[in-house]
Amino acid sequence: MKGPLACLASAALWALAVTLFRPLIHRYGPWRVNLGKGSIALVAFIITLWVLGQLRIPSNSEGMGSLQWITLIGAATLGMTIGDTLILAAAHSIGAQRTFLIQCLSPIASSLLAWVFLQEALSLLQGIGIILTIVGLSMVIRMDHAQTHRASRRGYLMALGAMLCQALGIVLNKPSLQVMDAAPNAALRIALSLVGILILIKFLDRKRIHMPIHKDPSSLLRLLIASLLGTFLGFFLFILGIQNTKAGIASALTSTTPIFAIPFAWILEGTRPQARSIFGTVVTVFGAITTILG
């Protein structure tokens, strides 16, 4: 039960963290929030690895060759530098629940890509799961007609981009995980992603901020709590989960994040969910799980 429970806890913590990040994104922008949360998580990982005696950079003799470094850099850049930033931006635009619902398209994308490029036939359960996921998403997305169409459209596009970047990041991360432990791998991936964020901030986000986040005690406390819960503890539990259960089950359980996002948005933001939104979320998550396990 350790693996499944870790996956569910990871899904809940990430939903809570992104909900906590939303006011910070509005004030400081997604790039700087991503930089802040990554920096805090990296410090937490370094302290943890130092205590465990695992604080070191893997060498070529351990199997960490050019291929592993290139794919790890790619995973960090796509999955965390760009992917996490897009998730934060999308959550600010369309909310955490809808952002995580788009992430449920990941198993569908994988199944369809395998069907097109690898000639892997879709099973009946996968077909049913795809249909259910699309139906559930459409029910939730239709509620955005009362909002500004341009803002909603942009938010969904950013969420789609995040889903694709993170899916590619998972694939690219596999070669390095074959030669090193999960915790050092996670720390290196975060460190590499921070380099990419700093570069992109310089060229893409020149908005002047009058008060840096570390000079605002309330914002810094919120960032600290959300980063430790979501980026550090949530990511650690996710790795623990996939190490102690089957990959399909782990993916299915972590797809429950949108369900956890509903009560957190209600409690922390006062966003009371409508019955149609709740039902659409449940249908979407059930469809994603069916696709994964099919």
C-alpha atoms as a PDB file:
ATOM      1  CA  MET A   1       0.000   0.000   0.000  1.00  0.00           C
ATOM      2  CA  LYS A   2       3.015   2.329   0.413  1.00  0.00           C
ATOM      3  CA  GLY A   3       3.321   3.039  -3.321  1.00  0.00           C
ATOM      4  CA  PRO A   4      -0.364   3.823  -4.055  1.00  0.00           C
ATOM      5  CA  LEU A   5      -0.716   5.961  -0.919  1.00  0.00           C
ATOM      6  CA  ALA A   6       2.420   7.916  -1.852  1.00  0.00           C
ATOM      7  CA  CYS A   7       1.007   8.602  -5.331  1.00  0.00           C
ATOM      8  CA  LEU A   8      -2.316   9.834  -3.926  1.00  0.00           C
ATOM      9  CA  ALA A   9      -0.513  12.044  -1.388  1.00  0.00           C
ATOM     10  CA  SER A  10       1.662  13.456  -4.171  1.00  0.00           C
ATOM     11  CA  ALA A  11      -1.408  14.313  -6.270  1.00  0.00           C
ATOM     12  CA  ALA A  12      -3.075  16.043  -3.316  1.00  0.00           C
ATOM     13  CA  LEU A  13       0.037  18.038  -2.355  1.00  0.00           C
ATOM     14  CA  TRP A  14       0.646  19.280  -5.908  1.00  0.00           C
ATOM     15  CA  ALA A  15      -2.992  20.403  -6.190  1.00  0.00           C
ATOM     16  CA  LEU A  16      -2.675  22.285  -2.886  1.00  0.00           C
ATOM     17  CA  ALA A  17       0.656  23.844  -3.882  1.00  0.00           C
ATOM     18  CA  VAL A  18      -0.552  25.198  -7.225  1.00  0.00           C
ATOM     19  CA  THR A  19      -3.644  26.663  -5.539  1.00  0.00           C
ATOM     20  CA  LEU A  20      -1.360  28.422  -3.033  1.00  0.00           C
ATOM     21  CA  PHE A  21       0.874  29.680  -5.854  1.00  0.00           C
ATOM     22  CA  ARG A  22      -1.964  31.458  -7.716  1.00  0.00           C
ATOM     23  CA  PRO A  23      -1.879  34.815  -5.834  1.00  0.00           C
ATOM     24  CA  LEU A  24       1.906  34.891  -6.204  1.00  0.00           C
ATOM     25  CA  ILE A  25       1.654  34.280  -9.949  1.00  0.00           C
ATOM     26  CA  HIS A  26      -0.710  37.249 -10.263  1.00  0.00           C
ATOM     27  CA  ARG A  27       1.748  39.527  -8.469  1.00  0.00           C
ATOM     28  CA  TYR A  28       5.167  38.272  -9.590  1.00  0.00           C
ATOM     29  CA  GLY A  29       4.544  36.272 -12.784  1.00  0.00           C
ATOM     30  CA  PRO A  30       4.951  32.532 -13.456  1.00  0.00           C
ATOM     31  CA  TRP A  31       8.674  32.692 -14.324  1.00  0.00           C
ATOM     32  CA  ARG A  32       9.692  34.204 -10.983  1.00  0.00           C
ATOM     33  CA  VAL A  33       7.379  31.943  -8.985  1.00  0.00           C
ATOM     34  CA  ASN A  34       8.854  28.916 -10.769  1.00  0.00           C
ATOM     35  CA  LEU A  35      12.348  30.215  -9.986  1.00  0.00           C
ATOM     36  CA  GLY A  36      11.428  30.715  -6.339  1.00  0.00           C
ATOM     37  CA  LYS A  37       9.789  27.341  -5.826  1.00  0.00           C
ATOM     38  CA  GLY A  38      12.643  25.559  -7.604  1.00  0.00           C
ATOM     39  CA  SER A  39      15.269  27.327  -5.491  1.00  0.00           C
ATOM     40  CA  ILE A  40      13.530  26.409  -2.233  1.00  0.00           C
ATOM     41  CA  ALA A  41      13.054  22.787  -3.324  1.00  0.00           C
ATOM     42  CA  LEU A  42      16.697  22.540  -4.425  1.00  0.00           C
ATOM     43  CA  VAL A  43      17.937  23.748  -1.029  1.00  0.00           C
ATOM     44  CA  ALA A  44      15.648  21.192   0.655  1.00  0.00           C
ATOM     45  CA  PHE A  45      16.977  18.396  -1.582  1.00  0.00           C
ATOM     46  CA  ILE A  46      20.612  19.422  -0.981  1.00  0.00           C
ATOM     47  CA  ILE A  47      20.116  19.359   2.807  1.00  0.00           C
ATOM     48  CA  THR A  48      18.350  15.987   2.586  1.00  0.00           C
ATOM     49  CA  LEU A  49      21.049  14.453   0.382  1.00  0.00           C
ATOM     50  CA  TRP A  50      23.804  15.855   2.606  1.00  0.00           C
ATOM     51  CA  VAL A  51      22.191  14.282   5.688  1.00  0.00           C
ATOM     52  CA  LEU A  52      21.862  10.962   3.823  1.00  0.00           C
ATOM     53  CA  GLY A  53      25.458  11.142   2.563  1.00  0.00           C
ATOM     54  CA  GLN A  54      24.382  11.156  -1.102  1.00  0.00           C
ATOM     55  CA  LEU A  55      25.358  14.708  -2.037  1.00  0.00           C
ATOM     56  CA  ARG A  56      27.596  14.222  -5.080  1.00  0.00           C
ATOM     57  CA  ILE A  57      27.536  14.516  -8.868  1.00  0.00           C
ATOM     58  CA  PRO A  58      27.570  11.146 -10.681  1.00  0.00           C
ATOM     59  CA  SER A  59      30.632  10.356 -12.804  1.00  0.00           C
ATOM     60  CA  ASN A  60      31.149   8.683 -16.170  1.00  0.00           C
ATOM     61  CA  SER A  61      32.365   5.549 -14.399  1.00  0.00           C
ATOM     62  CA  GLU A  62      28.899   5.185 -12.883  1.00  0.00           C
ATOM     63  CA  GLY A  63      27.285   5.232 -16.319  1.00  0.00           C
ATOM     64  CA  MET A  64      26.450   8.938 -16.475  1.00  0.00           C
ATOM     65  CA  GLY A  65      27.714   9.553 -20.006  1.00  0.00           C
ATOM     66  CA  SER A  66      26.974  12.178 -22.659  1.00  0.00           C
ATOM     67  CA  LEU A  67      23.598  10.656 -23.565  1.00  0.00           C
ATOM     68  CA  GLN A  68      22.429  10.684 -19.956  1.00  0.00           C
ATOM     69  CA  TRP A  69      23.513  14.304 -19.438  1.00  0.00           C
ATOM     70  CA  ILE A  70      21.919  15.519 -22.679  1.00  0.00           C
ATOM     71  CA  THR A  71      18.611  13.786 -21.961  1.00  0.00           C
ATOM     72  CA  LEU A  72      18.636  15.001 -18.336  1.00  0.00           C
ATOM     73  CA  ILE A  73      19.181  18.593 -19.489  1.00  0.00           C
ATOM     74  CA  GLY A  74      16.347  18.131 -21.988  1.00  0.00           C
ATOM     75  CA  ALA A  75      14.078  16.704 -19.285  1.00  0.00           C
ATOM     76  CA  ALA A  76      14.862  19.611 -16.943  1.00  0.00           C
ATOM     77  CA  THR A  77      14.327  22.238 -19.639  1.00  0.00           C
ATOM     78  CA  LEU A  78      11.090  20.827 -21.064  1.00  0.00           C
ATOM     79  CA  GLY A  79       9.572  19.324 -17.931  1.00  0.00           C
ATOM     80  CA  MET A  80      10.396  21.940 -15.307  1.00  0.00           C
ATOM     81  CA  THR A  81      11.764  25.133 -16.883  1.00  0.00           C
ATOM     82  CA  ILE A  82       9.020  25.377 -19.517  1.00  0.00           C
ATOM     83  CA  GLY A  83       6.439  22.812 -18.378  1.00  0.00           C
ATOM     84  CA  ASP A  84       6.091  23.972 -14.764  1.00  0.00           C
ATOM     85  CA  THR A  85       6.056  27.635 -15.823  1.00  0.00           C
ATOM     86  CA  LEU A  86       3.236  26.927 -18.255  1.00  0.00           C
ATOM     87  CA  ILE A  87       1.319  25.054 -15.536  1.00  0.00           C
ATOM     88  CA  LEU A  88       1.593  28.047 -13.206  1.00  0.00           C
ATOM     89  CA  ALA A  89       0.560  30.472 -15.950  1.00  0.00           C
ATOM     90  CA  ALA A  90      -2.371  28.266 -16.966  1.00  0.00           C
ATOM     91  CA  ALA A  91      -3.488  27.864 -13.340  1.00  0.00           C
ATOM     92  CA  HIS A  92      -3.552  31.642 -12.994  1.00  0.00           C
ATOM     93  CA  SER A  93      -5.619  31.957 -16.187  1.00  0.00           C
ATOM     94  CA  ILE A  94      -8.129  29.095 -15.951  1.00  0.00           C
ATOM     95  CA  GLY A  95      -7.655  27.744 -12.413  1.00  0.00           C
ATOM     96  CA  ALA A  96      -5.812  24.761 -10.976  1.00  0.00           C
ATOM     97  CA  GLN A  97      -8.676  22.325 -11.553  1.00  0.00           C
ATOM     98  CA  ARG A  98      -8.968  22.962 -15.293  1.00  0.00           C
ATOM     99  CA  THR A  99      -5.179  23.038 -15.674  1.00  0.00           C
ATOM    100  CA  PHE A 100      -4.838  19.605 -14.088  1.00  0.00           C
ATOM    101  CA  LEU A 101      -7.735  18.310 -16.173  1.00  0.00           C
ATOM    102  CA  ILE A 102      -5.709  19.065 -19.292  1.00  0.00           C
ATOM    103  CA  GLN A 103      -2.886  16.968 -17.808  1.00  0.00           C
ATOM    104  CA  CYS A 104      -5.286  14.002 -17.994  1.00  0.00           C
ATOM    105  CA  LEU A 105      -4.735  14.102 -21.760  1.00  0.00           C
ATOM    106  CA  SER A 106      -1.192  12.801 -21.270  1.00  0.00           C
ATOM    107  CA  PRO A 107      -2.057   9.063 -21.408  1.00  0.00           C
ATOM    108  CA  ILE A 108      -4.266   9.750 -24.421  1.00  0.00           C
ATOM    109  CA  ALA A 109      -1.424  11.522 -26.210  1.00  0.00           C
ATOM    110  CA  SER A 110       0.937   8.647 -25.418  1.00  0.00           C
ATOM    111  CA  SER A 111      -1.536   6.032 -26.643  1.00  0.00           C
ATOM    112  CA  LEU A 112      -2.279   7.896 -29.876  1.00  0.00           C
ATOM    113  CA  LEU A 113       1.414   8.554 -30.611  1.00  0.00           C
ATOM    114  CA  ALA A 114       2.203   4.879 -30.073  1.00  0.00           C
ATOM    115  CA  TRP A 115      -0.687   3.971 -32.379  1.00  0.00           C
ATOM    116  CA  VAL A 116       0.463   6.322 -35.154  1.00  0.00           C
ATOM    117  CA  PHE A 117       4.245   5.857 -35.002  1.00  0.00           C
ATOM    118  CA  LEU A 118       4.690   2.417 -33.456  1.00  0.00           C
ATOM    119  CA  GLN A 119       1.580   0.711 -34.870  1.00  0.00           C
ATOM    120  CA  GLU A 120       0.496  -0.271 -31.374  1.00  0.00           C
ATOM    121  CA  ALA A 121      -3.210  -1.053 -31.546  1.00  0.00           C
ATOM    122  CA  LEU A 122      -5.518   0.679 -29.083  1.00  0.00           C
ATOM    123  CA  SER A 123      -7.443  -1.674 -26.805  1.00  0.00           C
ATOM    124  CA  LEU A 124     -11.185  -1.374 -26.259  1.00  0.00           C
ATOM    125  CA  LEU A 125     -10.616   0.004 -22.743  1.00  0.00           C
ATOM    126  CA  GLN A 126      -8.209   2.632 -24.082  1.00  0.00           C
ATOM    127  CA  GLY A 127     -10.774   3.693 -26.667  1.00  0.00           C
ATOM    128  CA  ILE A 128     -13.448   3.988 -23.990  1.00  0.00           C
ATOM    129  CA  GLY A 129     -11.047   5.904 -21.742  1.00  0.00           C
ATOM    130  CA  ILE A 130     -10.216   8.391 -24.510  1.00  0.00           C
ATOM    131  CA  ILE A 131     -13.904   9.028 -25.189  1.00  0.00           C
ATOM    132  CA  LEU A 132     -14.690   9.475 -21.481  1.00  0.00           C
ATOM    133  CA  THR A 133     -11.784  11.874 -20.986  1.00  0.00           C
ATOM    134  CA  ILE A 134     -12.813  14.037 -23.928  1.00  0.00           C
ATOM    135  CA  VAL A 135     -16.470  14.061 -22.812  1.00  0.00           C
ATOM    136  CA  GLY A 136     -15.510  15.040 -19.258  1.00  0.00           C
ATOM    137  CA  LEU A 137     -13.165  17.788 -20.456  1.00  0.00           C
ATOM    138  CA  SER A 138     -15.788  19.206 -22.787  1.00  0.00           C
ATOM    139  CA  MET A 139     -18.288  19.435 -19.917  1.00  0.00           C
ATOM    140  CA  VAL A 140     -15.880  21.500 -17.828  1.00  0.00           C
ATOM    141  CA  ILE A 141     -14.535  23.627 -20.677  1.00  0.00           C
ATOM    142  CA  ARG A 142     -18.033  24.619 -21.819  1.00  0.00           C
ATOM    143  CA  MET A 143     -18.456  26.437 -18.508  1.00  0.00           C
ATOM    144  CA  ASP A 144     -15.834  28.944 -19.670  1.00  0.00           C
ATOM    145  CA  HIS A 145     -18.237  30.474 -22.213  1.00  0.00           C
ATOM    146  CA  ALA A 146     -19.340  32.913 -19.537  1.00  0.00           C
ATOM    147  CA  GLN A 147     -15.743  34.086 -19.145  1.00  0.00           C
ATOM    148  CA  THR A 148     -13.516  36.039 -21.497  1.00  0.00           C
ATOM    149  CA  HIS A 149     -12.966  33.759 -24.465  1.00  0.00           C
ATOM    150  CA  ARG A 150      -9.471  35.020 -25.234  1.00  0.00           C
ATOM    151  CA  ALA A 151      -8.202  34.488 -21.669  1.00  0.00           C
ATOM    152  CA  SER A 152      -9.740  31.011 -21.480  1.00  0.00           C
ATOM    153  CA  ARG A 153      -8.354  29.999 -24.874  1.00  0.00           C
ATOM    154  CA  ARG A 154      -4.864  31.170 -23.945  1.00  0.00           C
ATOM    155  CA  GLY A 155      -5.036  29.352 -20.609  1.00  0.00           C
ATOM    156  CA  TYR A 156      -6.048  26.054 -22.227  1.00  0.00           C
ATOM    157  CA  LEU A 157      -3.269  26.387 -24.817  1.00  0.00           C
ATOM    158  CA  MET A 158      -0.709  26.916 -22.054  1.00  0.00           C
ATOM    159  CA  ALA A 159      -2.067  23.885 -20.183  1.00  0.00           C
ATOM    160  CA  LEU A 160      -1.800  21.791 -23.353  1.00  0.00           C
ATOM    161  CA  GLY A 161       1.768  22.984 -23.855  1.00  0.00           C
ATOM    162  CA  ALA A 162       2.595  22.062 -20.255  1.00  0.00           C
ATOM    163  CA  MET A 163       1.127  18.602 -20.715  1.00  0.00           C
ATOM    164  CA  LEU A 164       3.248  17.952 -23.821  1.00  0.00           C
ATOM    165  CA  CYS A 165       6.434  19.360 -22.254  1.00  0.00           C
ATOM    166  CA  GLN A 166       6.062  17.290 -19.101  1.00  0.00           C
ATOM    167  CA  ALA A 167       5.267  14.117 -21.043  1.00  0.00           C
ATOM    168  CA  LEU A 168       8.451  14.612 -23.070  1.00  0.00           C
ATOM    169  CA  GLY A 169      10.346  15.416 -19.880  1.00  0.00           C
ATOM    170  CA  ILE A 170       9.356  12.078 -18.331  1.00  0.00           C
ATOM    171  CA  VAL A 171      10.561  10.184 -21.414  1.00  0.00           C
ATOM    172  CA  LEU A 172      13.854  12.091 -21.543  1.00  0.00           C
ATOM    173  CA  ASN A 173      14.469  11.525 -17.831  1.00  0.00           C
ATOM    174  CA  LYS A 174      14.535   7.730 -18.139  1.00  0.00           C
ATOM    175  CA  PRO A 175      18.166   7.251 -19.359  1.00  0.00           C
ATOM    176  CA  SER A 176      19.627   9.111 -16.373  1.00  0.00           C
ATOM    177  CA  LEU A 177      17.330   7.330 -13.898  1.00  0.00           C
ATOM    178  CA  GLN A 178      18.772   4.027 -15.075  1.00  0.00           C
ATOM    179  CA  VAL A 179      22.211   4.930 -13.705  1.00  0.00           C
ATOM    180  CA  MET A 180      21.449   7.063 -10.624  1.00  0.00           C
ATOM    181  CA  ASP A 181      19.064   7.172  -7.681  1.00  0.00           C
ATOM    182  CA  ALA A 182      15.837   9.147  -7.794  1.00  0.00           C
ATOM    183  CA  ALA A 183      16.661  11.782  -5.142  1.00  0.00           C
ATOM    184  CA  PRO A 184      20.016  12.938  -6.646  1.00  0.00           C
ATOM    185  CA  ASN A 185      18.375  12.816 -10.069  1.00  0.00           C
ATOM    186  CA  ALA A 186      15.553  15.073  -8.892  1.00  0.00           C
ATOM    187  CA  ALA A 187      18.012  17.541  -7.354  1.00  0.00           C
ATOM    188  CA  LEU A 188      20.092  17.716 -10.543  1.00  0.00           C
ATOM    189  CA  ARG A 189      16.982  18.127 -12.649  1.00  0.00           C
ATOM    190  CA  ILE A 190      15.790  21.034 -10.504  1.00  0.00           C
ATOM    191  CA  ALA A 191      19.236  22.674 -10.556  1.00  0.00           C
ATOM    192  CA  LEU A 192      19.435  22.442 -14.359  1.00  0.00           C
ATOM    193  CA  SER A 193      15.911  23.809 -14.695  1.00  0.00           C
ATOM    194  CA  LEU A 194      16.837  26.861 -12.598  1.00  0.00           C
ATOM    195  CA  VAL A 195      19.618  27.719 -15.037  1.00  0.00           C
ATOM    196  CA  GLY A 196      17.105  27.626 -17.870  1.00  0.00           C
ATOM    197  CA  ILE A 197      14.625  29.776 -15.931  1.00  0.00           C
ATOM    198  CA  LEU A 198      17.253  32.438 -15.228  1.00  0.00           C
ATOM    199  CA  ILE A 199      18.183  32.588 -18.918  1.00  0.00           C
ATOM    200  CA  LEU A 200      14.556  32.829 -20.044  1.00  0.00           C
ATOM    201  CA  ILE A 201      13.692  35.467 -17.432  1.00  0.00           C
ATOM    202  CA  LYS A 202      16.457  37.668 -18.826  1.00  0.00           C
ATOM    203  CA  PHE A 203      15.106  37.479 -22.367  1.00  0.00           C
ATOM    204  CA  LEU A 204      11.350  36.927 -21.941  1.00  0.00           C
ATOM    205  CA  ASP A 205      10.262  38.458 -18.642  1.00  0.00           C
ATOM    206  CA  ARG A 206      11.652  41.947 -18.205  1.00  0.00           C
ATOM    207  CA  LYS A 207       8.645  43.221 -16.261  1.00  0.00           C
ATOM    208  CA  ARG A 208       9.821  45.419 -13.451  1.00  0.00           C
ATOM    209  CA  ILE A 209       8.706  44.359  -9.984  1.00  0.00           C
ATOM    210  CA  HIS A 210       8.811  47.043  -7.296  1.00  0.00           C
ATOM    211  CA  MET A 211       9.041  44.628  -4.352  1.00  0.00           C
ATOM    212  CA  PRO A 212      11.004  41.379  -4.763  1.00  0.00           C
ATOM    213  CA  ILE A 213       9.238  38.339  -3.376  1.00  0.00           C
ATOM    214  CA  HIS A 214      11.817  37.792  -0.612  1.00  0.00           C
ATOM    215  CA  LYS A 215      11.104  41.275   0.799  1.00  0.00           C
ATOM    216  CA  ASP A 216       7.409  40.566   1.294  1.00  0.00           C
ATOM    217  CA  PRO A 217       7.087  38.294   4.381  1.00  0.00           C
ATOM    218  CA  SER A 218       3.563  37.054   3.597  1.00  0.00           C
ATOM    219  CA  SER A 219       4.416  36.202  -0.022  1.00  0.00           C
ATOM    220  CA  LEU A 220       7.679  34.551   1.011  1.00  0.00           C
ATOM    221  CA  LEU A 221       5.890  32.406   3.621  1.00  0.00           C
ATOM    222  CA  ARG A 222       3.273  31.313   1.090  1.00  0.00           C
ATOM    223  CA  LEU A 223       6.002  30.499  -1.448  1.00  0.00           C
ATOM    224  CA  LEU A 224       7.984  28.557   1.160  1.00  0.00           C
ATOM    225  CA  ILE A 225       5.016  26.441   2.267  1.00  0.00           C
ATOM    226  CA  ALA A 226       3.801  25.720  -1.275  1.00  0.00           C
ATOM    227  CA  SER A 227       7.322  24.877  -2.511  1.00  0.00           C
ATOM    228  CA  LEU A 228       8.110  22.503   0.346  1.00  0.00           C
ATOM    229  CA  LEU A 229       4.729  20.775   0.070  1.00  0.00           C
ATOM    230  CA  GLY A 230       4.468  20.537  -3.715  1.00  0.00           C
ATOM    231  CA  THR A 231       7.886  20.765  -5.353  1.00  0.00           C
ATOM    232  CA  PHE A 232       9.895  19.017  -2.626  1.00  0.00           C
ATOM    233  CA  LEU A 233       7.650  16.639  -0.643  1.00  0.00           C
ATOM    234  CA  GLY A 234       5.153  16.042  -3.457  1.00  0.00           C
ATOM    235  CA  PHE A 235       7.894  15.218  -5.954  1.00  0.00           C
ATOM    236  CA  PHE A 236       9.633  12.935  -3.438  1.00  0.00           C
ATOM    237  CA  LEU A 237       6.361  11.056  -2.807  1.00  0.00           C
ATOM    238  CA  PHE A 238       5.815  10.726  -6.562  1.00  0.00           C
ATOM    239  CA  ILE A 239       9.245   9.106  -6.988  1.00  0.00           C
ATOM    240  CA  LEU A 240       8.569   6.900  -3.959  1.00  0.00           C
ATOM    241  CA  GLY A 241       5.244   5.898  -5.469  1.00  0.00           C
ATOM    242  CA  ILE A 242       6.588   4.855  -8.864  1.00  0.00           C
ATOM    243  CA  GLN A 243       9.359   2.888  -7.125  1.00  0.00           C
ATOM    244  CA  ASN A 244       6.866   0.863  -5.081  1.00  0.00           C
ATOM    245  CA  THR A 245       4.014   0.202  -7.483  1.00  0.00           C
ATOM    246  CA  LYS A 246       3.415  -0.526 -11.146  1.00  0.00           C
ATOM    247  CA  ALA A 247       3.887   2.377 -13.538  1.00  0.00           C
ATOM    248  CA  GLY A 248       0.308   2.197 -14.840  1.00  0.00           C
ATOM    249  CA  ILE A 249      -1.170   2.273 -11.348  1.00  0.00           C
ATOM    250  CA  ALA A 250       1.133   5.144 -10.323  1.00  0.00           C
ATOM    251  CA  SER A 251       0.116   7.169 -13.390  1.00  0.00           C
ATOM    252  CA  ALA A 252      -3.558   6.474 -12.753  1.00  0.00           C
ATOM    253  CA  LEU A 253      -3.401   7.557  -9.111  1.00  0.00           C
ATOM    254  CA  THR A 254      -1.461  10.748  -9.834  1.00  0.00           C
ATOM    255  CA  SER A 255      -4.111  11.608 -12.436  1.00  0.00           C
ATOM    256  CA  THR A 256      -6.513  12.257  -9.541  1.00  0.00           C
ATOM    257  CA  THR A 257      -4.965  15.708  -8.954  1.00  0.00           C
ATOM    258  CA  PRO A 258      -7.967  17.617 -10.448  1.00  0.00           C
ATOM    259  CA  ILE A 259     -10.295  16.044  -7.876  1.00  0.00           C
ATOM    260  CA  PHE A 260      -8.114  17.317  -5.029  1.00  0.00           C
ATOM    261  CA  ALA A 261      -7.951  20.762  -6.660  1.00  0.00           C
ATOM    262  CA  ILE A 262     -11.726  21.251  -6.273  1.00  0.00           C
ATOM    263  CA  PRO A 263     -11.899  21.392  -2.438  1.00  0.00           C
ATOM    264  CA  PHE A 264      -8.624  23.320  -2.170  1.00  0.00           C
ATOM    265  CA  ALA A 265      -9.922  26.023  -4.549  1.00  0.00           C
ATOM    266  CA  TRP A 266     -13.154  26.167  -2.539  1.00  0.00           C
ATOM    267  CA  ILE A 267     -11.410  26.428   0.855  1.00  0.00           C
ATOM    268  CA  LEU A 268      -8.525  28.738  -0.094  1.00  0.00           C
ATOM    269  CA  GLU A 269     -10.092  30.880  -2.821  1.00  0.00           C
ATOM    270  CA  GLY A 270     -13.816  30.677  -2.114  1.00  0.00           C
ATOM    271  CA  THR A 271     -14.423  29.243  -5.599  1.00  0.00           C
ATOM    272  CA  ARG A 272     -17.513  27.137  -5.040  1.00  0.00           C
ATOM    273  CA  PRO A 273     -17.659  24.338  -7.637  1.00  0.00           C
ATOM    274  CA  GLN A 274     -20.775  23.716  -9.700  1.00  0.00           C
ATOM    275  CA  ALA A 275     -22.270  20.252  -9.931  1.00  0.00           C
ATOM    276  CA  ARG A 276     -21.520  20.069 -13.652  1.00  0.00           C
ATOM    277  CA  SER A 277     -17.866  20.921 -13.044  1.00  0.00           C
ATOM    278  CA  ILE A 278     -17.516  18.229 -10.360  1.00  0.00           C
ATOM    279  CA  PHE A 279     -19.215  15.618 -12.542  1.00  0.00           C
ATOM    280  CA  GLY A 280     -17.070  16.542 -15.556  1.00  0.00           C
ATOM    281  CA  THR A 281     -13.918  16.299 -13.444  1.00  0.00           C
ATOM    282  CA  VAL A 282     -14.839  12.835 -12.155  1.00  0.00           C
ATOM    283  CA  VAL A 283     -15.622  11.635 -15.702  1.00  0.00           C
ATOM    284  CA  THR A 284     -12.308  13.035 -16.985  1.00  0.00           C
ATOM    285  CA  VAL A 285     -10.232  11.408 -14.232  1.00  0.00           C
ATOM    286  CA  PHE A 286     -12.072   8.101 -14.670  1.00  0.00           C
ATOM    287  CA  GLY A 287     -11.404   8.268 -18.406  1.00  0.00           C
ATOM    288  CA  ALA A 288      -7.700   8.952 -17.848  1.00  0.00           C
ATOM    289  CA  ILE A 289      -7.404   6.042 -15.422  1.00  0.00           C
ATOM    290  CA  THR A 290      -9.226   3.742 -17.859  1.00  0.00           C
ATOM    291  CA  THR A 291      -6.856   4.776 -20.653  1.00  0.00           C
ATOM    292  CA  ILE A 292      -3.771   4.137 -18.493  1.00  0.00           C
ATOM    293  CA  LEU A 293      -4.928   0.749 -17.246  1.00  0.00           C
ATOM    294  CA  GLY A 294      -6.323  -0.330 -20.625  1.00  0.00           C
END
